[in-house]
Amino acid sequence: LTKELGETPPQPVITFENKAISVYQSSYCWNNASKGTGTCADY
């Protein structure tokens, strides 16, 4: 489950009546367990 998260934040799928809504990455702090590093970004 931990590996499942990946090296970057996962993108959610948001829908209305089975139609996808455009979603954009915003601020985050993410751990890259495989590299032992973390990254933060502000939007």
PDB file of all heavy atoms in Angstrom:
ATOM      1  N   LEU A   1       0.830  -1.201   0.000  1.00  0.00           N
ATOM      2  CA  LEU A   1       0.000   0.000   0.000  1.00  0.00           C
ATOM      3  C   LEU A   1       0.863   1.249   0.000  1.00  0.00           C
ATOM      4  O   LEU A   1       0.564   2.226  -0.659  1.00  0.00           O
ATOM      5  CB  LEU A   1      -0.932   0.009   1.219  1.00  0.00           C
ATOM      6  CG  LEU A   1      -2.086  -0.979   1.178  1.00  0.00           C
ATOM      7  CD1 LEU A   1      -2.865  -0.932   2.480  1.00  0.00           C
ATOM      8  CD2 LEU A   1      -2.996  -0.721   0.010  1.00  0.00           C
ATOM      9  N   THR A   2       1.966   1.227   0.740  1.00  0.00           N
ATOM     10  CA  THR A   2       2.866   2.372   0.776  1.00  0.00           C
ATOM     11  C   THR A   2       3.466   2.599  -0.592  1.00  0.00           C
ATOM     12  O   THR A   2       3.511   3.721  -1.082  1.00  0.00           O
ATOM     13  CB  THR A   2       3.969   2.148   1.823  1.00  0.00           C
ATOM     14  OG1 THR A   2       3.345   1.962   3.085  1.00  0.00           O
ATOM     15  CG2 THR A   2       4.907   3.332   1.894  1.00  0.00           C
ATOM     16  N   LYS A   3       3.927   1.535  -1.251  1.00  0.00           N
ATOM     17  CA  LYS A   3       4.518   1.659  -2.584  1.00  0.00           C
ATOM     18  C   LYS A   3       3.487   2.152  -3.591  1.00  0.00           C
ATOM     19  O   LYS A   3       3.826   2.842  -4.526  1.00  0.00           O
ATOM     20  CB  LYS A   3       5.080   0.308  -3.048  1.00  0.00           C
ATOM     21  CG  LYS A   3       6.299  -0.137  -2.282  1.00  0.00           C
ATOM     22  CD  LYS A   3       6.768  -1.484  -2.771  1.00  0.00           C
ATOM     23  CE  LYS A   3       7.882  -2.014  -1.913  1.00  0.00           C
ATOM     24  NZ  LYS A   3       8.237  -3.376  -2.266  1.00  0.00           N
ATOM     25  N   GLU A   4       2.243   1.790  -3.347  1.00  0.00           N
ATOM     26  CA  GLU A   4       1.151   2.143  -4.241  1.00  0.00           C
ATOM     27  C   GLU A   4       1.006   3.655  -4.432  1.00  0.00           C
ATOM     28  O   GLU A   4       0.552   4.119  -5.450  1.00  0.00           O
ATOM     29  CB  GLU A   4      -0.124   1.555  -3.638  1.00  0.00           C
ATOM     30  CG  GLU A   4      -1.332   1.607  -4.484  1.00  0.00           C
ATOM     31  CD  GLU A   4      -2.484   0.919  -3.785  1.00  0.00           C
ATOM     32  OE1 GLU A   4      -2.375  -0.267  -3.467  1.00  0.00           O
ATOM     33  OE2 GLU A   4      -3.486   1.598  -3.562  1.00  0.00           O
ATOM     34  N   LEU A   5       1.415   4.443  -3.441  1.00  0.00           N
ATOM     35  CA  LEU A   5       1.277   5.887  -3.543  1.00  0.00           C
ATOM     36  C   LEU A   5       2.195   6.483  -4.595  1.00  0.00           C
ATOM     37  O   LEU A   5       1.867   7.483  -5.201  1.00  0.00           O
ATOM     38  CB  LEU A   5       1.535   6.553  -2.185  1.00  0.00           C
ATOM     39  CG  LEU A   5       0.417   6.376  -1.174  1.00  0.00           C
ATOM     40  CD1 LEU A   5       0.799   6.989   0.159  1.00  0.00           C
ATOM     41  CD2 LEU A   5      -0.880   6.976  -1.674  1.00  0.00           C
ATOM     42  N   GLY A   6       3.347   5.929  -4.807  1.00  0.00           N
ATOM     43  CA  GLY A   6       4.234   6.401  -5.861  1.00  0.00           C
ATOM     44  C   GLY A   6       5.119   7.558  -5.448  1.00  0.00           C
ATOM     45  O   GLY A   6       5.135   7.993  -4.302  1.00  0.00           O
ATOM     46  N   GLU A   7       5.843   8.073  -6.424  1.00  0.00           N
ATOM     47  CA  GLU A   7       6.850   9.104  -6.180  1.00  0.00           C
ATOM     48  C   GLU A   7       6.297  10.518  -6.235  1.00  0.00           C
ATOM     49  O   GLU A   7       6.966  11.472  -5.857  1.00  0.00           O
ATOM     50  CB  GLU A   7       7.986   8.946  -7.194  1.00  0.00           C
ATOM     51  CG  GLU A   7       8.717   7.626  -7.050  1.00  0.00           C
ATOM     52  CD  GLU A   7       9.817   7.439  -8.071  1.00  0.00           C
ATOM     53  OE1 GLU A   7      10.048   8.353  -8.889  1.00  0.00           O
ATOM     54  OE2 GLU A   7      10.449   6.387  -8.046  1.00  0.00           O
ATOM     55  N   THR A   8       5.087  10.671  -6.732  1.00  0.00           N
ATOM     56  CA  THR A   8       4.442  11.981  -6.818  1.00  0.00           C
ATOM     57  C   THR A   8       3.010  11.860  -6.285  1.00  0.00           C
ATOM     58  O   THR A   8       2.461  10.759  -6.233  1.00  0.00           O
ATOM     59  CB  THR A   8       4.397  12.486  -8.278  1.00  0.00           C
ATOM     60  OG1 THR A   8       3.689  11.539  -9.071  1.00  0.00           O
ATOM     61  CG2 THR A   8       5.798  12.689  -8.841  1.00  0.00           C
ATOM     62  N   PRO A   9       2.402  12.970  -5.896  1.00  0.00           N
ATOM     63  CA  PRO A   9       1.036  12.895  -5.384  1.00  0.00           C
ATOM     64  C   PRO A   9       0.082  12.285  -6.417  1.00  0.00           C
ATOM     65  O   PRO A   9       0.148  12.622  -7.601  1.00  0.00           O
ATOM     66  CB  PRO A   9       0.669  14.360  -5.129  1.00  0.00           C
ATOM     67  CG  PRO A   9       1.967  15.067  -4.966  1.00  0.00           C
ATOM     68  CD  PRO A   9       2.924  14.343  -5.864  1.00  0.00           C
ATOM     69  N   PRO A  10      -0.790  11.375  -5.971  1.00  0.00           N
ATOM     70  CA  PRO A  10      -1.769  10.787  -6.897  1.00  0.00           C
ATOM     71  C   PRO A  10      -2.838  11.823  -7.269  1.00  0.00           C
ATOM     72  O   PRO A  10      -3.160  12.703  -6.469  1.00  0.00           O
ATOM     73  CB  PRO A  10      -2.384   9.650  -6.084  1.00  0.00           C
ATOM     74  CG  PRO A  10      -2.214  10.084  -4.664  1.00  0.00           C
ATOM     75  CD  PRO A  10      -0.939  10.877  -4.609  1.00  0.00           C
ATOM     76  N   GLN A  11      -3.348  11.737  -8.474  1.00  0.00           N
ATOM     77  CA  GLN A  11      -4.396  12.657  -8.927  1.00  0.00           C
ATOM     78  C   GLN A  11      -5.769  12.033  -8.706  1.00  0.00           C
ATOM     79  O   GLN A  11      -6.010  10.904  -9.131  1.00  0.00           O
ATOM     80  CB  GLN A  11      -4.228  12.973 -10.418  1.00  0.00           C
ATOM     81  CG  GLN A  11      -3.032  13.835 -10.720  1.00  0.00           C
ATOM     82  CD  GLN A  11      -3.180  15.233 -10.136  1.00  0.00           C
ATOM     83  OE1 GLN A  11      -4.181  15.894 -10.310  1.00  0.00           O
ATOM     84  NE2 GLN A  11      -2.156  15.675  -9.421  1.00  0.00           N
ATOM     85  N   PRO A  12      -6.674  12.755  -8.056  1.00  0.00           N
ATOM     86  CA  PRO A  12      -8.029  12.225  -7.908  1.00  0.00           C
ATOM     87  C   PRO A  12      -8.803  12.382  -9.214  1.00  0.00           C
ATOM     88  O   PRO A  12      -8.470  13.216 -10.054  1.00  0.00           O
ATOM     89  CB  PRO A  12      -8.633  13.126  -6.823  1.00  0.00           C
ATOM     90  CG  PRO A  12      -7.934  14.431  -7.007  1.00  0.00           C
ATOM     91  CD  PRO A  12      -6.528  14.072  -7.434  1.00  0.00           C
ATOM     92  N   VAL A  13      -9.817  11.559  -9.348  1.00  0.00           N
ATOM     93  CA  VAL A  13     -10.754  11.698 -10.465  1.00  0.00           C
ATOM     94  C   VAL A  13     -12.034  12.255  -9.860  1.00  0.00           C
ATOM     95  O   VAL A  13     -12.590  11.686  -8.922  1.00  0.00           O
ATOM     96  CB  VAL A  13     -11.012  10.329 -11.148  1.00  0.00           C
ATOM     97  CG1 VAL A  13     -12.079  10.463 -12.217  1.00  0.00           C
ATOM     98  CG2 VAL A  13      -9.723   9.767 -11.713  1.00  0.00           C
ATOM     99  N   ILE A  14     -12.478  13.390 -10.372  1.00  0.00           N
ATOM    100  CA  ILE A  14     -13.717  14.012  -9.896  1.00  0.00           C
ATOM    101  C   ILE A  14     -14.702  13.978 -11.053  1.00  0.00           C
ATOM    102  O   ILE A  14     -14.356  14.333 -12.187  1.00  0.00           O
ATOM    103  CB  ILE A  14     -13.459  15.449  -9.412  1.00  0.00           C
ATOM    104  CG1 ILE A  14     -12.485  15.421  -8.230  1.00  0.00           C
ATOM    105  CG2 ILE A  14     -14.778  16.129  -9.030  1.00  0.00           C
ATOM    106  CD1 ILE A  14     -12.073  16.769  -7.702  1.00  0.00           C
ATOM    107  N   THR A  15     -15.924  13.510 -10.774  1.00  0.00           N
ATOM    108  CA  THR A  15     -16.913  13.360 -11.839  1.00  0.00           C
ATOM    109  C   THR A  15     -18.258  13.958 -11.441  1.00  0.00           C
ATOM    110  O   THR A  15     -18.603  14.051 -10.264  1.00  0.00           O
ATOM    111  CB  THR A  15     -17.124  11.874 -12.207  1.00  0.00           C
ATOM    112  OG1 THR A  15     -17.519  11.164 -11.038  1.00  0.00           O
ATOM    113  CG2 THR A  15     -15.866  11.258 -12.785  1.00  0.00           C
ATOM    114  N   PHE A  16     -18.991  14.345 -12.473  1.00  0.00           N
ATOM    115  CA  PHE A  16     -20.385  14.763 -12.335  1.00  0.00           C
ATOM    116  C   PHE A  16     -21.154  14.000 -13.394  1.00  0.00           C
ATOM    117  O   PHE A  16     -20.860  14.125 -14.585  1.00  0.00           O
ATOM    118  CB  PHE A  16     -20.551  16.275 -12.544  1.00  0.00           C
ATOM    119  CG  PHE A  16     -21.979  16.717 -12.438  1.00  0.00           C
ATOM    120  CD1 PHE A  16     -22.577  16.868 -11.204  1.00  0.00           C
ATOM    121  CD2 PHE A  16     -22.728  16.957 -13.575  1.00  0.00           C
ATOM    122  CE1 PHE A  16     -23.901  17.259 -11.103  1.00  0.00           C
ATOM    123  CE2 PHE A  16     -24.050  17.356 -13.486  1.00  0.00           C
ATOM    124  CZ  PHE A  16     -24.641  17.508 -12.241  1.00  0.00           C
ATOM    125  N   GLU A  17     -22.113  13.179 -12.962  1.00  0.00           N
ATOM    126  CA  GLU A  17     -22.914  12.359 -13.881  1.00  0.00           C
ATOM    127  C   GLU A  17     -22.008  11.604 -14.862  1.00  0.00           C
ATOM    128  O   GLU A  17     -22.199  11.633 -16.068  1.00  0.00           O
ATOM    129  CB  GLU A  17     -23.946  13.216 -14.611  1.00  0.00           C
ATOM    130  CG  GLU A  17     -24.975  13.814 -13.682  1.00  0.00           C
ATOM    131  CD  GLU A  17     -26.012  14.669 -14.392  1.00  0.00           C
ATOM    132  OE1 GLU A  17     -25.826  15.040 -15.581  1.00  0.00           O
ATOM    133  OE2 GLU A  17     -27.024  14.977 -13.745  1.00  0.00           O
ATOM    134  N   ASN A  18     -20.984  10.955 -14.331  1.00  0.00           N
ATOM    135  CA  ASN A  18     -20.023  10.121 -15.080  1.00  0.00           C
ATOM    136  C   ASN A  18     -19.155  10.903 -16.057  1.00  0.00           C
ATOM    137  O   ASN A  18     -18.497  10.314 -16.900  1.00  0.00           O
ATOM    138  CB  ASN A  18     -20.727   8.969 -15.795  1.00  0.00           C
ATOM    139  CG  ASN A  18     -21.364   8.017 -14.809  1.00  0.00           C
ATOM    140  OD1 ASN A  18     -20.760   7.686 -13.791  1.00  0.00           O
ATOM    141  ND2 ASN A  18     -22.581   7.601 -15.098  1.00  0.00           N
ATOM    142  N   LYS A  19     -19.140  12.238 -15.958  1.00  0.00           N
ATOM    143  CA  LYS A  19     -18.281  13.065 -16.801  1.00  0.00           C
ATOM    144  C   LYS A  19     -17.166  13.630 -15.928  1.00  0.00           C
ATOM    145  O   LYS A  19     -17.422  14.206 -14.869  1.00  0.00           O
ATOM    146  CB  LYS A  19     -19.077  14.202 -17.428  1.00  0.00           C
ATOM    147  CG  LYS A  19     -18.237  15.092 -18.326  1.00  0.00           C
ATOM    148  CD  LYS A  19     -19.058  16.255 -18.870  1.00  0.00           C
ATOM    149  CE  LYS A  19     -18.158  17.185 -19.642  1.00  0.00           C
ATOM    150  NZ  LYS A  19     -17.977  18.467 -19.007  1.00  0.00           N
ATOM    151  N   ALA A  20     -15.905  13.464 -16.385  1.00  0.00           N
ATOM    152  CA  ALA A  20     -14.755  13.932 -15.609  1.00  0.00           C
ATOM    153  C   ALA A  20     -14.699  15.453 -15.553  1.00  0.00           C
ATOM    154  O   ALA A  20     -14.955  16.141 -16.539  1.00  0.00           O
ATOM    155  CB  ALA A  20     -13.467  13.387 -16.209  1.00  0.00           C
ATOM    156  N   ILE A  21     -14.369  15.951 -14.377  1.00  0.00           N
ATOM    157  CA  ILE A  21     -14.141  17.374 -14.136  1.00  0.00           C
ATOM    158  C   ILE A  21     -12.621  17.585 -14.199  1.00  0.00           C
ATOM    159  O   ILE A  21     -11.854  16.764 -13.711  1.00  0.00           O
ATOM    160  CB  ILE A  21     -14.661  17.771 -12.730  1.00  0.00           C
ATOM    161  CG1 ILE A  21     -16.162  17.481 -12.597  1.00  0.00           C
ATOM    162  CG2 ILE A  21     -14.330  19.209 -12.391  1.00  0.00           C
ATOM    163  CD1 ILE A  21     -17.064  18.305 -13.461  1.00  0.00           C
ATOM    164  N   SER A  22     -12.172  18.691 -14.786  1.00  0.00           N
ATOM    165  CA  SER A  22     -10.739  18.987 -14.857  1.00  0.00           C
ATOM    166  C   SER A  22     -10.206  19.303 -13.459  1.00  0.00           C
ATOM    167  O   SER A  22     -10.752  20.170 -12.776  1.00  0.00           O
ATOM    168  CB  SER A  22     -10.479  20.180 -15.775  1.00  0.00           C
ATOM    169  OG  SER A  22     -10.925  19.898 -17.082  1.00  0.00           O
ATOM    170  N   VAL A  23      -9.157  18.571 -13.065  1.00  0.00           N
ATOM    171  CA  VAL A  23      -8.546  18.733 -11.744  1.00  0.00           C
ATOM    172  C   VAL A  23      -7.078  19.104 -11.948  1.00  0.00           C
ATOM    173  O   VAL A  23      -6.400  18.522 -12.795  1.00  0.00           O
ATOM    174  CB  VAL A  23      -8.650  17.432 -10.927  1.00  0.00           C
ATOM    175  CG1 VAL A  23      -7.998  17.589  -9.556  1.00  0.00           C
ATOM    176  CG2 VAL A  23     -10.096  16.988 -10.786  1.00  0.00           C
ATOM    177  N   TYR A  24      -6.594  20.051 -11.138  1.00  0.00           N
ATOM    178  CA  TYR A  24      -5.226  20.544 -11.276  1.00  0.00           C
ATOM    179  C   TYR A  24      -4.456  20.359  -9.976  1.00  0.00           C
ATOM    180  O   TYR A  24      -5.006  20.552  -8.889  1.00  0.00           O
ATOM    181  CB  TYR A  24      -5.236  22.026 -11.668  1.00  0.00           C
ATOM    182  CG  TYR A  24      -5.985  22.252 -12.955  1.00  0.00           C
ATOM    183  CD1 TYR A  24      -7.356  22.524 -12.940  1.00  0.00           C
ATOM    184  CD2 TYR A  24      -5.351  22.137 -14.184  1.00  0.00           C
ATOM    185  CE1 TYR A  24      -8.062  22.703 -14.126  1.00  0.00           C
ATOM    186  CE2 TYR A  24      -6.053  22.315 -15.377  1.00  0.00           C
ATOM    187  CZ  TYR A  24      -7.403  22.594 -15.324  1.00  0.00           C
ATOM    188  OH  TYR A  24      -8.101  22.750 -16.496  1.00  0.00           O
ATOM    189  N   GLN A  25      -3.186  19.996 -10.123  1.00  0.00           N
ATOM    190  CA  GLN A  25      -2.314  19.860  -8.956  1.00  0.00           C
ATOM    191  C   GLN A  25      -2.157  21.218  -8.293  1.00  0.00           C
ATOM    192  O   GLN A  25      -2.029  22.237  -8.963  1.00  0.00           O
ATOM    193  CB  GLN A  25      -0.938  19.344  -9.393  1.00  0.00           C
ATOM    194  CG  GLN A  25       0.048  19.157  -8.250  1.00  0.00           C
ATOM    195  CD  GLN A  25      -0.372  18.068  -7.289  1.00  0.00           C
ATOM    196  OE1 GLN A  25      -0.507  16.914  -7.682  1.00  0.00           O
ATOM    197  NE2 GLN A  25      -0.592  18.417  -6.037  1.00  0.00           N
ATOM    198  N   SER A  26      -2.174  21.221  -6.972  1.00  0.00           N
ATOM    199  CA  SER A  26      -1.921  22.439  -6.219  1.00  0.00           C
ATOM    200  C   SER A  26      -0.810  22.135  -5.215  1.00  0.00           C
ATOM    201  O   SER A  26      -0.038  21.196  -5.417  1.00  0.00           O
ATOM    202  CB  SER A  26      -3.211  22.913  -5.551  1.00  0.00           C
ATOM    203  OG  SER A  26      -3.056  24.227  -5.060  1.00  0.00           O
ATOM    204  N   SER A  27      -0.725  22.880  -4.137  1.00  0.00           N
ATOM    205  CA  SER A  27       0.363  22.746  -3.169  1.00  0.00           C
ATOM    206  C   SER A  27       0.452  21.325  -2.617  1.00  0.00           C
ATOM    207  O   SER A  27      -0.567  20.657  -2.433  1.00  0.00           O
ATOM    208  CB  SER A  27       0.151  23.718  -2.013  1.00  0.00           C
ATOM    209  OG  SER A  27       0.122  25.039  -2.502  1.00  0.00           O
ATOM    210  N   TYR A  28       1.683  20.885  -2.365  1.00  0.00           N
ATOM    211  CA  TYR A  28       1.892  19.548  -1.821  1.00  0.00           C
ATOM    212  C   TYR A  28       3.239  19.437  -1.117  1.00  0.00           C
ATOM    213  O   TYR A  28       4.146  20.228  -1.350  1.00  0.00           O
ATOM    214  CB  TYR A  28       1.801  18.480  -2.920  1.00  0.00           C
ATOM    215  CG  TYR A  28       2.906  18.560  -3.948  1.00  0.00           C
ATOM    216  CD1 TYR A  28       4.092  17.851  -3.773  1.00  0.00           C
ATOM    217  CD2 TYR A  28       2.769  19.332  -5.091  1.00  0.00           C
ATOM    218  CE1 TYR A  28       5.110  17.936  -4.721  1.00  0.00           C
ATOM    219  CE2 TYR A  28       3.776  19.414  -6.037  1.00  0.00           C
ATOM    220  CZ  TYR A  28       4.944  18.709  -5.841  1.00  0.00           C
ATOM    221  OH  TYR A  28       5.960  18.794  -6.767  1.00  0.00           O
ATOM    222  N   CYS A  29       3.337  18.432  -0.247  1.00  0.00           N
ATOM    223  CA  CYS A  29       4.594  17.935   0.319  1.00  0.00           C
ATOM    224  C   CYS A  29       4.518  16.427   0.180  1.00  0.00           C
ATOM    225  O   CYS A  29       3.574  15.796   0.670  1.00  0.00           O
ATOM    226  CB  CYS A  29       4.750  18.322   1.783  1.00  0.00           C
ATOM    227  SG  CYS A  29       5.304  20.013   2.003  1.00  0.00           S
ATOM    228  N   TRP A  30       5.478  15.863  -0.509  1.00  0.00           N
ATOM    229  CA  TRP A  30       5.403  14.446  -0.842  1.00  0.00           C
ATOM    230  C   TRP A  30       6.709  13.738  -0.539  1.00  0.00           C
ATOM    231  O   TRP A  30       7.782  14.249  -0.878  1.00  0.00           O
ATOM    232  CB  TRP A  30       5.044  14.271  -2.322  1.00  0.00           C
ATOM    233  CG  TRP A  30       4.478  12.932  -2.592  1.00  0.00           C
ATOM    234  CD1 TRP A  30       5.078  11.883  -3.222  1.00  0.00           C
ATOM    235  CD2 TRP A  30       3.199  12.467  -2.184  1.00  0.00           C
ATOM    236  NE1 TRP A  30       4.239  10.802  -3.234  1.00  0.00           N
ATOM    237  CE2 TRP A  30       3.077  11.133  -2.597  1.00  0.00           C
ATOM    238  CE3 TRP A  30       2.139  13.048  -1.497  1.00  0.00           C
ATOM    239  CZ2 TRP A  30       1.941  10.359  -2.362  1.00  0.00           C
ATOM    240  CZ3 TRP A  30       1.008  12.283  -1.262  1.00  0.00           C
ATOM    241  CH2 TRP A  30       0.914  10.969  -1.693  1.00  0.00           C
ATOM    242  N   ASN A  31       6.608  12.578   0.088  1.00  0.00           N
ATOM    243  CA  ASN A  31       7.776  11.759   0.388  1.00  0.00           C
ATOM    244  C   ASN A  31       8.007  10.768  -0.733  1.00  0.00           C
ATOM    245  O   ASN A  31       7.076  10.109  -1.177  1.00  0.00           O
ATOM    246  CB  ASN A  31       7.575  10.991   1.703  1.00  0.00           C
ATOM    247  CG  ASN A  31       7.493  11.918   2.887  1.00  0.00           C
ATOM    248  OD1 ASN A  31       8.184  12.922   2.928  1.00  0.00           O
ATOM    249  ND2 ASN A  31       6.645  11.597   3.844  1.00  0.00           N
ATOM    250  N   ASN A  32       9.235  10.674  -1.180  1.00  0.00           N
ATOM    251  CA  ASN A  32       9.623   9.681  -2.179  1.00  0.00           C
ATOM    252  C   ASN A  32      10.414   8.615  -1.428  1.00  0.00           C
ATOM    253  O   ASN A  32      11.628   8.709  -1.285  1.00  0.00           O
ATOM    254  CB  ASN A  32      10.458  10.327  -3.284  1.00  0.00           C
ATOM    255  CG  ASN A  32      10.769   9.372  -4.403  1.00  0.00           C
ATOM    256  OD1 ASN A  32      10.763   8.158  -4.219  1.00  0.00           O
ATOM    257  ND2 ASN A  32      11.060   9.913  -5.567  1.00  0.00           N
ATOM    258  N   ALA A  33       9.693   7.602  -0.911  1.00  0.00           N
ATOM    259  CA  ALA A  33      10.298   6.580  -0.067  1.00  0.00           C
ATOM    260  C   ALA A  33      11.408   5.818  -0.786  1.00  0.00           C
ATOM    261  O   ALA A  33      12.418   5.467  -0.176  1.00  0.00           O
ATOM    262  CB  ALA A  33       9.224   5.614   0.428  1.00  0.00           C
ATOM    263  N   SER A  34      11.257   5.585  -2.081  1.00  0.00           N
ATOM    264  CA  SER A  34      12.271   4.812  -2.812  1.00  0.00           C
ATOM    265  C   SER A  34      13.604   5.560  -2.905  1.00  0.00           C
ATOM    266  O   SER A  34      14.654   4.955  -2.966  1.00  0.00           O
ATOM    267  CB  SER A  34      11.772   4.443  -4.215  1.00  0.00           C
ATOM    268  OG  SER A  34      11.614   5.601  -5.003  1.00  0.00           O
ATOM    269  N   LYS A  35      13.564   6.893  -2.887  1.00  0.00           N
ATOM    270  CA  LYS A  35      14.791   7.695  -2.959  1.00  0.00           C
ATOM    271  C   LYS A  35      15.178   8.294  -1.612  1.00  0.00           C
ATOM    272  O   LYS A  35      16.247   8.890  -1.483  1.00  0.00           O
ATOM    273  CB  LYS A  35      14.626   8.822  -3.986  1.00  0.00           C
ATOM    274  CG  LYS A  35      14.499   8.320  -5.409  1.00  0.00           C
ATOM    275  CD  LYS A  35      14.398   9.480  -6.377  1.00  0.00           C
ATOM    276  CE  LYS A  35      14.247   8.951  -7.807  1.00  0.00           C
ATOM    277  NZ  LYS A  35      14.041  10.046  -8.748  1.00  0.00           N
ATOM    278  N   GLY A  36      14.298   8.159  -0.621  1.00  0.00           N
ATOM    279  CA  GLY A  36      14.581   8.722   0.689  1.00  0.00           C
ATOM    280  C   GLY A  36      14.582  10.243   0.693  1.00  0.00           C
ATOM    281  O   GLY A  36      15.293  10.867   1.466  1.00  0.00           O
ATOM    282  N   THR A  37      13.769  10.851  -0.175  1.00  0.00           N
ATOM    283  CA  THR A  37      13.706  12.312  -0.259  1.00  0.00           C
ATOM    284  C   THR A  37      12.266  12.781  -0.157  1.00  0.00           C
ATOM    285  O   THR A  37      11.335  11.993  -0.256  1.00  0.00           O
ATOM    286  CB  THR A  37      14.288  12.820  -1.599  1.00  0.00           C
ATOM    287  OG1 THR A  37      13.503  12.278  -2.675  1.00  0.00           O
ATOM    288  CG2 THR A  37      15.739  12.426  -1.769  1.00  0.00           C
ATOM    289  N   GLY A  38      12.110  14.065   0.009  1.00  0.00           N
ATOM    290  CA  GLY A  38      10.783  14.675   0.019  1.00  0.00           C
ATOM    291  C   GLY A  38      10.810  15.976  -0.754  1.00  0.00           C
ATOM    292  O   GLY A  38      11.860  16.608  -0.879  1.00  0.00           O
ATOM    293  N   THR A  39       9.653  16.359  -1.281  1.00  0.00           N
ATOM    294  CA  THR A  39       9.547  17.579  -2.071  1.00  0.00           C
ATOM    295  C   THR A  39       8.285  18.325  -1.666  1.00  0.00           C
ATOM    296  O   THR A  39       7.244  17.707  -1.450  1.00  0.00           O
ATOM    297  CB  THR A  39       9.456  17.251  -3.575  1.00  0.00           C
ATOM    298  OG1 THR A  39      10.572  16.460  -3.948  1.00  0.00           O
ATOM    299  CG2 THR A  39       9.419  18.504  -4.411  1.00  0.00           C
ATOM    300  N   CYS A  40       8.394  19.643  -1.611  1.00  0.00           N
ATOM    301  CA  CYS A  40       7.226  20.483  -1.354  1.00  0.00           C
ATOM    302  C   CYS A  40       7.122  21.526  -2.456  1.00  0.00           C
ATOM    303  O   CYS A  40       8.143  21.968  -3.001  1.00  0.00           O
ATOM    304  CB  CYS A  40       7.341  21.193  -0.003  1.00  0.00           C
ATOM    305  SG  CYS A  40       7.222  20.087   1.408  1.00  0.00           S
ATOM    306  N   ALA A  41       5.904  21.906  -2.785  1.00  0.00           N
ATOM    307  CA  ALA A  41       5.663  22.958  -3.777  1.00  0.00           C
ATOM    308  C   ALA A  41       4.430  23.744  -3.358  1.00  0.00           C
ATOM    309  O   ALA A  41       3.460  23.167  -2.867  1.00  0.00           O
ATOM    310  CB  ALA A  41       5.455  22.358  -5.163  1.00  0.00           C
ATOM    311  N   ASP A  42       4.487  25.060  -3.538  1.00  0.00           N
ATOM    312  CA  ASP A  42       3.361  25.932  -3.231  1.00  0.00           C
ATOM    313  C   ASP A  42       2.774  26.501  -4.520  1.00  0.00           C
ATOM    314  O   ASP A  42       3.521  26.863  -5.430  1.00  0.00           O
ATOM    315  CB  ASP A  42       3.796  27.093  -2.336  1.00  0.00           C
ATOM    316  CG  ASP A  42       4.043  26.657  -0.907  1.00  0.00           C
ATOM    317  OD1 ASP A  42       3.331  25.755  -0.432  1.00  0.00           O
ATOM    318  OD2 ASP A  42       4.947  27.225  -0.262  1.00  0.00           O
ATOM    319  N   TYR A  43       1.458  26.561  -4.575  1.00  0.00           N
ATOM    320  CA  TYR A  43       0.748  27.095  -5.732  1.00  0.00           C
ATOM    321  C   TYR A  43      -0.118  28.259  -5.284  1.00  0.00           C
ATOM    322  O   TYR A  43      -0.396  28.422  -4.105  1.00  0.00           O
ATOM    323  CB  TYR A  43      -0.143  26.018  -6.358  1.00  0.00           C
ATOM    324  CG  TYR A  43       0.588  24.944  -7.104  1.00  0.00           C
ATOM    325  CD1 TYR A  43       1.342  23.976  -6.452  1.00  0.00           C
ATOM    326  CD2 TYR A  43       0.512  24.868  -8.489  1.00  0.00           C
ATOM    327  CE1 TYR A  43       2.004  22.982  -7.143  1.00  0.00           C
ATOM    328  CE2 TYR A  43       1.172  23.871  -9.194  1.00  0.00           C
ATOM    329  CZ  TYR A  43       1.925  22.931  -8.513  1.00  0.00           C
ATOM    330  OH  TYR A  43       2.571  21.953  -9.211  1.00  0.00           O
TER     331      TYR A  43
END
